N, C-alpha and C. Protein backbone atom coordinates (compact mmCIF):
# COMPACT_ATOMS: atom_id res chain seq x y z
N MET A 1 0.83 -1.19 0.00
CA MET A 1 0.00 0.00 0.00
C MET A 1 0.87 1.25 0.00
N LEU A 2 0.43 2.23 -0.67
CA LEU A 2 1.14 3.50 -0.73
C LEU A 2 0.94 4.28 0.57
N PRO A 3 1.95 5.03 1.01
CA PRO A 3 1.81 5.79 2.25
C PRO A 3 0.65 6.80 2.20
N ALA A 4 0.41 7.45 1.08
CA ALA A 4 -0.69 8.41 0.98
C ALA A 4 -2.04 7.71 1.14
N ARG A 5 -2.15 6.55 0.55
CA ARG A 5 -3.40 5.77 0.65
C ARG A 5 -3.62 5.32 2.09
N ARG A 6 -2.57 4.92 2.78
CA ARG A 6 -2.66 4.47 4.17
C ARG A 6 -3.10 5.64 5.07
N ARG A 7 -2.52 6.81 4.85
CA ARG A 7 -2.93 7.98 5.64
C ARG A 7 -4.39 8.33 5.38
N TYR A 8 -4.81 8.26 4.14
CA TYR A 8 -6.21 8.54 3.80
C TYR A 8 -7.14 7.59 4.55
N LEU A 9 -6.83 6.29 4.54
CA LEU A 9 -7.68 5.31 5.21
C LEU A 9 -7.67 5.52 6.73
N MET A 10 -6.52 5.89 7.28
CA MET A 10 -6.43 6.15 8.71
C MET A 10 -7.31 7.34 9.11
N TRP A 11 -7.24 8.44 8.36
CA TRP A 11 -8.06 9.60 8.66
C TRP A 11 -9.53 9.33 8.43
N ARG A 12 -9.84 8.53 7.44
CA ARG A 12 -11.24 8.18 7.18
C ARG A 12 -11.80 7.36 8.34
N ARG A 13 -11.01 6.40 8.85
CA ARG A 13 -11.44 5.58 9.98
C ARG A 13 -11.63 6.46 11.23
N ARG A 14 -10.72 7.39 11.46
CA ARG A 14 -10.85 8.30 12.61
C ARG A 14 -12.10 9.16 12.48
N LEU A 15 -12.39 9.63 11.29
CA LEU A 15 -13.58 10.44 11.07
C LEU A 15 -14.84 9.62 11.32
N GLN A 16 -14.86 8.37 10.87
CA GLN A 16 -16.02 7.50 11.10
C GLN A 16 -16.22 7.25 12.59
N TRP A 17 -15.13 6.97 13.32
CA TRP A 17 -15.24 6.75 14.76
C TRP A 17 -15.70 8.02 15.47
N SER A 18 -15.20 9.16 15.05
CA SER A 18 -15.61 10.44 15.67
C SER A 18 -17.09 10.70 15.42
N ALA A 19 -17.55 10.43 14.20
CA ALA A 19 -18.97 10.62 13.88
C ALA A 19 -19.84 9.66 14.70
N ALA A 20 -19.40 8.42 14.85
CA ALA A 20 -20.15 7.45 15.65
C ALA A 20 -20.19 7.88 17.11
N LEU A 21 -19.08 8.37 17.66
CA LEU A 21 -19.02 8.83 19.03
C LEU A 21 -19.93 10.04 19.24
N LEU A 22 -19.91 10.97 18.31
CA LEU A 22 -20.76 12.15 18.40
C LEU A 22 -22.24 11.76 18.35
N ALA A 23 -22.60 10.85 17.45
CA ALA A 23 -23.99 10.40 17.35
C ALA A 23 -24.43 9.70 18.64
N THR A 24 -23.55 8.90 19.23
CA THR A 24 -23.87 8.22 20.49
C THR A 24 -24.06 9.23 21.61
N LEU A 25 -23.19 10.23 21.68
CA LEU A 25 -23.29 11.26 22.70
C LEU A 25 -24.59 12.05 22.56
N ILE A 26 -24.93 12.45 21.35
CA ILE A 26 -26.19 13.18 21.12
C ILE A 26 -27.38 12.30 21.48
N GLY A 27 -27.34 11.03 21.12
CA GLY A 27 -28.42 10.11 21.47
C GLY A 27 -28.58 9.97 22.98
N ALA A 28 -27.46 9.91 23.71
CA ALA A 28 -27.52 9.81 25.17
C ALA A 28 -28.13 11.07 25.78
N ILE A 29 -27.73 12.24 25.28
CA ILE A 29 -28.27 13.50 25.80
C ILE A 29 -29.77 13.58 25.54
N VAL A 30 -30.21 13.24 24.34
CA VAL A 30 -31.63 13.27 24.01
C VAL A 30 -32.41 12.28 24.87
N SER A 31 -31.84 11.10 25.10
CA SER A 31 -32.51 10.09 25.93
C SER A 31 -32.66 10.57 27.37
N ILE A 32 -31.59 11.11 27.94
CA ILE A 32 -31.65 11.62 29.32
C ILE A 32 -32.68 12.74 29.42
N ASP A 33 -32.67 13.64 28.46
CA ASP A 33 -33.62 14.76 28.46
C ASP A 33 -35.06 14.27 28.36
N SER A 34 -35.34 13.29 27.52
CA SER A 34 -36.71 12.83 27.34
C SER A 34 -37.20 11.96 28.50
N ILE A 35 -36.30 11.27 29.19
CA ILE A 35 -36.71 10.41 30.29
C ILE A 35 -36.78 11.17 31.61
N TRP A 36 -35.70 11.87 32.00
CA TRP A 36 -35.63 12.52 33.30
C TRP A 36 -35.81 14.03 33.22
N GLY A 37 -35.44 14.64 32.14
CA GLY A 37 -35.52 16.09 32.01
C GLY A 37 -34.15 16.66 31.68
N PRO A 38 -34.09 17.95 31.37
CA PRO A 38 -32.82 18.56 30.99
C PRO A 38 -31.87 18.65 32.19
N PHE A 39 -30.59 18.42 31.95
CA PHE A 39 -29.61 18.55 33.01
C PHE A 39 -28.87 19.87 32.94
N TRP A 40 -29.32 20.78 32.11
CA TRP A 40 -28.78 22.12 32.01
C TRP A 40 -29.76 23.08 32.70
N PRO A 41 -29.35 24.30 33.02
CA PRO A 41 -30.27 25.25 33.65
C PRO A 41 -31.44 25.59 32.73
N THR A 42 -32.63 25.68 33.30
CA THR A 42 -33.82 26.03 32.53
C THR A 42 -34.53 27.21 33.18
N GLU A 43 -35.36 27.89 32.41
CA GLU A 43 -36.18 28.96 32.97
C GLU A 43 -37.33 28.34 33.76
N PRO A 44 -37.84 29.05 34.76
CA PRO A 44 -39.01 28.55 35.47
C PRO A 44 -40.22 28.50 34.53
N VAL A 45 -41.06 27.51 34.71
CA VAL A 45 -42.27 27.35 33.90
C VAL A 45 -43.46 27.79 34.75
N PHE A 46 -44.26 28.70 34.23
CA PHE A 46 -45.41 29.28 34.92
C PHE A 46 -46.69 28.66 34.41
N THR A 47 -47.56 28.18 35.33
CA THR A 47 -48.83 27.59 34.93
C THR A 47 -49.95 28.11 35.84
N PRO A 48 -50.91 28.90 35.32
CA PRO A 48 -52.01 29.35 36.17
C PRO A 48 -53.00 28.20 36.40
N GLU A 49 -53.68 28.26 37.52
CA GLU A 49 -54.69 27.25 37.84
C GLU A 49 -56.01 27.95 38.10
N PRO A 50 -57.11 27.22 38.04
CA PRO A 50 -58.40 27.89 38.26
C PRO A 50 -58.55 28.36 39.70
N PRO A 51 -59.02 29.58 39.89
CA PRO A 51 -59.25 30.07 41.26
C PRO A 51 -60.53 29.50 41.83
N ALA A 52 -60.74 29.75 43.11
CA ALA A 52 -61.99 29.35 43.75
C ALA A 52 -63.13 30.09 43.04
N PRO A 53 -64.27 29.43 42.83
CA PRO A 53 -65.36 30.05 42.06
C PRO A 53 -65.81 31.41 42.58
N ARG A 54 -65.78 31.60 43.90
CA ARG A 54 -66.27 32.87 44.42
C ARG A 54 -65.18 33.92 44.56
N MET A 55 -63.92 33.55 44.33
CA MET A 55 -62.82 34.48 44.52
C MET A 55 -61.91 34.52 43.29
N PRO A 56 -62.34 35.09 42.18
CA PRO A 56 -61.51 35.08 40.98
C PRO A 56 -60.22 35.89 41.10
N LEU A 57 -60.13 36.77 42.10
CA LEU A 57 -58.92 37.57 42.23
C LEU A 57 -57.92 36.95 43.21
N GLU A 58 -58.17 35.74 43.67
CA GLU A 58 -57.16 34.94 44.35
C GLU A 58 -56.67 33.97 43.29
N ILE A 59 -55.52 34.26 42.73
CA ILE A 59 -55.08 33.56 41.53
C ILE A 59 -53.96 32.57 41.87
N PRO A 60 -54.27 31.27 41.93
CA PRO A 60 -53.21 30.29 42.20
C PRO A 60 -52.45 29.95 40.92
N PHE A 61 -51.16 29.71 41.06
CA PHE A 61 -50.36 29.29 39.93
C PHE A 61 -49.20 28.45 40.43
N THR A 62 -48.60 27.70 39.53
CA THR A 62 -47.49 26.81 39.86
C THR A 62 -46.26 27.26 39.09
N VAL A 63 -45.10 27.29 39.76
CA VAL A 63 -43.82 27.55 39.12
C VAL A 63 -43.01 26.26 39.22
N THR A 64 -42.54 25.76 38.07
CA THR A 64 -41.84 24.48 38.00
C THR A 64 -40.42 24.67 37.50
N ASN A 65 -39.49 23.95 38.12
CA ASN A 65 -38.11 23.89 37.66
C ASN A 65 -37.93 22.56 36.94
N LYS A 66 -37.73 22.59 35.63
CA LYS A 66 -37.61 21.38 34.82
C LYS A 66 -36.22 20.74 34.85
N SER A 67 -35.20 21.49 35.28
CA SER A 67 -33.83 20.96 35.30
C SER A 67 -33.70 19.85 36.34
N ILE A 68 -32.89 18.83 36.04
CA ILE A 68 -32.68 17.75 37.00
C ILE A 68 -31.43 17.99 37.85
N VAL A 69 -30.69 19.05 37.58
CA VAL A 69 -29.45 19.32 38.30
C VAL A 69 -29.46 20.68 39.01
N PHE A 70 -29.89 21.74 38.32
CA PHE A 70 -29.74 23.10 38.82
C PHE A 70 -31.00 23.60 39.53
N PRO A 71 -30.84 24.17 40.75
CA PRO A 71 -31.99 24.81 41.41
C PRO A 71 -32.22 26.21 40.86
N ILE A 72 -33.39 26.75 41.11
CA ILE A 72 -33.68 28.15 40.79
C ILE A 72 -33.57 28.90 42.11
N LYS A 73 -32.59 29.80 42.20
CA LYS A 73 -32.31 30.50 43.45
C LYS A 73 -32.78 31.93 43.40
N GLU A 74 -33.04 32.47 44.59
CA GLU A 74 -33.45 33.87 44.75
C GLU A 74 -34.66 34.20 43.87
N LEU A 75 -35.64 33.34 43.89
CA LEU A 75 -36.84 33.53 43.08
C LEU A 75 -37.72 34.61 43.70
N GLY A 76 -38.05 35.60 42.92
CA GLY A 76 -38.97 36.67 43.32
C GLY A 76 -40.09 36.76 42.31
N LEU A 77 -41.31 36.93 42.75
CA LEU A 77 -42.47 36.95 41.86
C LEU A 77 -43.29 38.22 42.09
N THR A 78 -43.77 38.80 41.02
CA THR A 78 -44.68 39.94 41.10
C THR A 78 -45.87 39.65 40.21
N CYS A 79 -47.05 39.65 40.80
CA CYS A 79 -48.29 39.44 40.05
C CYS A 79 -48.82 40.81 39.64
N HIS A 80 -49.16 40.95 38.38
CA HIS A 80 -49.71 42.21 37.87
C HIS A 80 -51.16 41.97 37.46
N LEU A 81 -52.08 42.65 38.12
CA LEU A 81 -53.47 42.65 37.70
C LEU A 81 -53.59 43.82 36.75
N LEU A 82 -53.56 43.53 35.45
CA LEU A 82 -53.54 44.58 34.44
C LEU A 82 -54.86 45.31 34.35
N PHE A 83 -55.95 44.55 34.53
CA PHE A 83 -57.28 45.14 34.38
C PHE A 83 -58.29 44.21 35.01
N SER A 84 -59.26 44.76 35.70
CA SER A 84 -60.36 43.97 36.24
C SER A 84 -61.59 44.85 36.29
N LYS A 85 -62.72 44.30 35.85
CA LYS A 85 -63.96 45.07 35.85
C LYS A 85 -65.10 44.11 36.16
N SER A 86 -65.98 44.50 37.09
CA SER A 86 -67.10 43.65 37.46
C SER A 86 -68.36 44.09 36.72
N LEU A 87 -69.39 43.30 36.88
CA LEU A 87 -70.68 43.66 36.27
C LEU A 87 -71.26 44.92 36.90
N LEU A 88 -70.82 45.20 38.13
CA LEU A 88 -71.31 46.40 38.81
C LEU A 88 -70.50 47.64 38.44
N GLU A 89 -69.65 47.49 37.41
CA GLU A 89 -68.86 48.58 36.84
C GLU A 89 -67.74 49.09 37.74
N SER A 90 -67.44 48.41 38.86
CA SER A 90 -66.26 48.82 39.62
C SER A 90 -65.05 48.19 38.94
N SER A 91 -63.92 48.89 38.95
CA SER A 91 -62.76 48.37 38.22
C SER A 91 -61.48 48.60 39.02
N ILE A 92 -60.48 47.77 38.68
CA ILE A 92 -59.14 47.88 39.24
C ILE A 92 -58.19 47.84 38.05
N ALA A 93 -57.15 48.66 38.08
CA ALA A 93 -56.16 48.62 37.00
C ALA A 93 -54.76 48.75 37.60
N ASN A 94 -53.84 48.01 37.03
CA ASN A 94 -52.41 48.08 37.38
C ASN A 94 -52.12 47.82 38.86
N ALA A 95 -52.78 46.84 39.46
CA ALA A 95 -52.48 46.45 40.84
C ALA A 95 -51.35 45.42 40.84
N LYS A 96 -50.61 45.36 41.95
CA LYS A 96 -49.50 44.42 42.05
C LYS A 96 -49.57 43.67 43.37
N ALA A 97 -49.13 42.41 43.35
CA ALA A 97 -48.94 41.61 44.56
C ALA A 97 -47.59 40.94 44.39
N ALA A 98 -46.72 41.02 45.40
CA ALA A 98 -45.35 40.53 45.23
C ALA A 98 -44.99 39.50 46.29
N PHE A 99 -44.12 38.56 45.89
CA PHE A 99 -43.48 37.62 46.80
C PHE A 99 -42.01 38.01 46.83
N PRO A 100 -41.43 38.20 48.01
CA PRO A 100 -40.03 38.63 48.06
C PRO A 100 -39.09 37.56 47.53
N ALA A 101 -37.90 38.03 47.08
CA ALA A 101 -36.88 37.10 46.61
C ALA A 101 -36.38 36.28 47.79
N GLY A 102 -35.73 35.18 47.51
CA GLY A 102 -35.21 34.32 48.56
C GLY A 102 -35.75 32.91 48.46
N ASN A 103 -36.79 32.73 47.68
CA ASN A 103 -37.33 31.38 47.47
C ASN A 103 -36.34 30.56 46.66
N VAL A 104 -36.29 29.27 46.91
CA VAL A 104 -35.47 28.35 46.13
C VAL A 104 -36.38 27.22 45.66
N ILE A 105 -36.31 26.92 44.37
CA ILE A 105 -37.04 25.76 43.84
C ILE A 105 -35.99 24.75 43.42
N ARG A 106 -35.97 23.62 44.10
CA ARG A 106 -34.98 22.58 43.82
C ARG A 106 -35.25 21.93 42.46
N PRO A 107 -34.26 21.18 41.94
CA PRO A 107 -34.44 20.52 40.65
C PRO A 107 -35.67 19.60 40.64
N LYS A 108 -36.41 19.64 39.55
CA LYS A 108 -37.62 18.82 39.31
C LYS A 108 -38.71 19.08 40.34
N GLU A 109 -38.71 20.27 40.95
CA GLU A 109 -39.70 20.60 41.97
C GLU A 109 -40.66 21.64 41.40
N ALA A 110 -41.89 21.59 41.87
CA ALA A 110 -42.90 22.58 41.52
C ALA A 110 -43.42 23.20 42.81
N ARG A 111 -43.62 24.50 42.81
CA ARG A 111 -44.15 25.20 43.97
C ARG A 111 -45.41 25.94 43.58
N GLN A 112 -46.37 25.96 44.49
CA GLN A 112 -47.60 26.71 44.24
C GLN A 112 -47.56 28.04 44.98
N TYR A 113 -48.06 29.06 44.32
CA TYR A 113 -48.18 30.40 44.87
C TYR A 113 -49.58 30.89 44.58
N THR A 114 -50.02 31.89 45.33
CA THR A 114 -51.33 32.50 45.07
C THR A 114 -51.18 34.01 45.09
N CYS A 115 -51.59 34.64 44.00
CA CYS A 115 -51.62 36.10 43.95
C CYS A 115 -52.90 36.54 44.64
N LEU A 116 -52.77 37.30 45.69
CA LEU A 116 -53.94 37.78 46.43
C LEU A 116 -54.14 39.26 46.13
N PHE A 117 -55.18 39.55 45.40
CA PHE A 117 -55.53 40.94 45.14
C PHE A 117 -56.71 41.30 46.01
N ASP A 118 -56.74 42.52 46.43
CA ASP A 118 -57.83 43.00 47.28
C ASP A 118 -59.13 42.93 46.49
N ALA A 119 -60.07 42.09 46.98
CA ALA A 119 -61.38 42.01 46.33
C ALA A 119 -62.22 43.18 46.81
N ARG A 120 -62.17 44.25 46.10
CA ARG A 120 -62.85 45.48 46.48
C ARG A 120 -64.37 45.25 46.52
N PRO A 121 -65.07 46.05 47.27
CA PRO A 121 -66.54 45.92 47.23
C PRO A 121 -67.03 46.05 45.79
N GLY A 122 -67.93 45.20 45.42
CA GLY A 122 -68.46 45.22 44.07
C GLY A 122 -67.80 44.23 43.14
N MET A 123 -66.63 43.65 43.52
CA MET A 123 -66.01 42.64 42.67
C MET A 123 -66.78 41.34 42.83
N ASP A 124 -67.09 40.69 41.76
CA ASP A 124 -67.86 39.46 41.82
C ASP A 124 -67.24 38.42 40.90
N PRO A 125 -67.71 37.17 40.98
CA PRO A 125 -67.14 36.11 40.14
C PRO A 125 -67.31 36.35 38.64
N ASN A 126 -68.18 37.28 38.26
CA ASN A 126 -68.40 37.56 36.84
C ASN A 126 -67.49 38.67 36.32
N ALA A 127 -66.44 38.97 37.06
CA ALA A 127 -65.52 40.03 36.66
C ALA A 127 -64.74 39.62 35.43
N THR A 128 -64.33 40.62 34.67
CA THR A 128 -63.40 40.43 33.58
C THR A 128 -62.04 40.84 34.11
N ALA A 129 -61.01 40.05 33.87
CA ALA A 129 -59.70 40.39 34.42
C ALA A 129 -58.59 39.91 33.49
N ARG A 130 -57.44 40.59 33.59
CA ARG A 130 -56.22 40.19 32.86
C ARG A 130 -55.06 40.26 33.83
N ILE A 131 -54.21 39.23 33.81
CA ILE A 131 -53.05 39.19 34.70
C ILE A 131 -51.80 38.82 33.92
N SER A 132 -50.66 39.13 34.51
CA SER A 132 -49.37 38.60 34.05
C SER A 132 -48.49 38.47 35.29
N ILE A 133 -47.49 37.63 35.21
CA ILE A 133 -46.58 37.38 36.32
C ILE A 133 -45.17 37.71 35.87
N GLU A 134 -44.43 38.42 36.72
CA GLU A 134 -43.03 38.71 36.45
C GLU A 134 -42.20 37.85 37.40
N ILE A 135 -41.27 37.08 36.85
CA ILE A 135 -40.44 36.19 37.64
C ILE A 135 -39.00 36.68 37.56
N LYS A 136 -38.37 36.85 38.73
CA LYS A 136 -36.95 37.24 38.79
C LYS A 136 -36.21 36.12 39.53
N TYR A 137 -35.04 35.77 39.04
CA TYR A 137 -34.24 34.77 39.73
C TYR A 137 -32.77 34.97 39.39
N GLU A 138 -31.92 34.37 40.21
CA GLU A 138 -30.48 34.46 40.02
C GLU A 138 -30.06 33.51 38.90
N SER A 139 -29.30 34.02 37.96
CA SER A 139 -28.83 33.20 36.85
C SER A 139 -27.83 32.16 37.34
N ARG A 140 -27.82 30.99 36.73
CA ARG A 140 -26.86 29.94 37.07
C ARG A 140 -25.55 30.12 36.32
N TRP A 141 -25.49 31.03 35.39
CA TRP A 141 -24.27 31.25 34.63
C TRP A 141 -23.45 32.34 35.30
N PRO A 142 -22.14 32.18 35.37
CA PRO A 142 -21.29 33.20 36.02
C PRO A 142 -21.43 34.57 35.35
N PHE A 143 -21.44 35.59 36.16
CA PHE A 143 -21.47 36.99 35.72
C PHE A 143 -22.74 37.38 34.97
N ALA A 144 -23.78 36.57 35.01
CA ALA A 144 -25.01 36.88 34.27
C ALA A 144 -25.98 37.73 35.10
N GLY A 145 -25.86 37.73 36.42
CA GLY A 145 -26.72 38.56 37.25
C GLY A 145 -28.11 37.99 37.42
N THR A 146 -29.08 38.88 37.54
CA THR A 146 -30.47 38.49 37.76
C THR A 146 -31.21 38.42 36.43
N VAL A 147 -32.02 37.38 36.27
CA VAL A 147 -32.81 37.19 35.06
C VAL A 147 -34.25 37.59 35.37
N VAL A 148 -34.88 38.34 34.47
CA VAL A 148 -36.28 38.74 34.63
C VAL A 148 -37.07 38.15 33.47
N VAL A 149 -38.09 37.37 33.80
CA VAL A 149 -38.92 36.72 32.79
C VAL A 149 -40.36 37.12 33.05
N GLY A 150 -41.04 37.60 32.03
CA GLY A 150 -42.46 37.94 32.16
C GLY A 150 -43.32 36.86 31.53
N SER A 151 -44.41 36.55 32.19
CA SER A 151 -45.32 35.57 31.61
C SER A 151 -46.18 36.27 30.57
N PRO A 152 -46.82 35.51 29.71
CA PRO A 152 -47.78 36.13 28.81
C PRO A 152 -49.00 36.62 29.60
N VAL A 153 -49.87 37.33 28.95
CA VAL A 153 -51.10 37.82 29.59
C VAL A 153 -52.13 36.70 29.60
N TYR A 154 -52.81 36.55 30.74
CA TYR A 154 -53.91 35.60 30.87
C TYR A 154 -55.19 36.37 31.12
N THR A 155 -56.29 35.90 30.54
CA THR A 155 -57.59 36.56 30.67
C THR A 155 -58.55 35.63 31.40
N TRP A 156 -59.30 36.20 32.36
CA TRP A 156 -60.30 35.45 33.11
C TRP A 156 -61.57 35.37 32.28
N ILE A 157 -62.01 34.15 31.99
CA ILE A 157 -63.25 33.91 31.24
C ILE A 157 -64.31 33.51 32.27
N SER A 158 -65.17 34.45 32.62
CA SER A 158 -66.17 34.19 33.66
C SER A 158 -67.48 33.65 33.12
N ASN A 159 -67.74 33.87 31.83
CA ASN A 159 -69.03 33.44 31.28
C ASN A 159 -68.98 32.05 30.67
N ALA A 160 -67.90 31.30 30.92
CA ALA A 160 -67.82 29.92 30.45
C ALA A 160 -68.56 29.02 31.43
N LYS A 161 -68.83 27.79 31.03
CA LYS A 161 -69.50 26.83 31.90
C LYS A 161 -68.71 26.65 33.19
N VAL A 162 -67.39 26.50 33.04
CA VAL A 162 -66.47 26.48 34.19
C VAL A 162 -65.53 27.66 34.01
N PRO A 163 -65.68 28.72 34.82
CA PRO A 163 -64.80 29.89 34.67
C PRO A 163 -63.32 29.48 34.79
N HIS A 164 -62.47 30.10 33.97
CA HIS A 164 -61.06 29.72 33.95
C HIS A 164 -60.22 30.83 33.32
N TRP A 165 -58.88 30.69 33.49
CA TRP A 165 -57.93 31.60 32.87
C TRP A 165 -57.49 31.03 31.53
N VAL A 166 -57.39 31.88 30.51
CA VAL A 166 -56.91 31.44 29.20
C VAL A 166 -55.73 32.33 28.80
N LEU A 167 -54.87 31.77 27.98
CA LEU A 167 -53.70 32.47 27.50
C LEU A 167 -54.10 33.51 26.47
N GLY A 168 -53.59 34.73 26.62
CA GLY A 168 -53.85 35.78 25.64
C GLY A 168 -54.96 36.71 26.07
N ILE A 169 -55.15 37.76 25.29
CA ILE A 169 -56.19 38.74 25.56
C ILE A 169 -57.43 38.31 24.78
N GLN A 170 -58.50 38.04 25.50
CA GLN A 170 -59.75 37.57 24.91
C GLN A 170 -60.77 38.71 24.90
N VAL A 171 -61.56 38.79 23.86
CA VAL A 171 -62.62 39.78 23.78
C VAL A 171 -63.89 39.13 24.28
N GLN A 172 -64.52 39.76 25.27
CA GLN A 172 -65.75 39.18 25.83
C GLN A 172 -66.94 40.04 25.50
């Protein structure tokens, strides 16, 4: 065999082994992610839940950490009641309810919180309302500082068979 041909075959074999190793590594990462969850830092996941039927302005929600390794540290939450109006025409706009920073959500843990807004006289279960949640937490990456994530706007649908929060601004 010629030396040039031997070098070509050697580099080709190394390239094939490298490609096989890379494919195996990617397959392992995808498998771990799909079975247990991501092992890299993730953003908190916000999920609103239905409030008590008579208290639509007590808004429960869950914050979940999907990472299997990294906790979410120094979690601070601010609930924004963007707009609320009852059938009796009383309204609230731009109200806030806050949870101080210092909360920690461990890996694969979910925590429940409740935004408590003052149910002013005249507020009833048939109110129209819009909310959003602002989440602040300490970044897991060096020198990144504090991360601020805003949730999308949720609208309270009171005239449904089962009143509930829906994603987005709904026209009623």
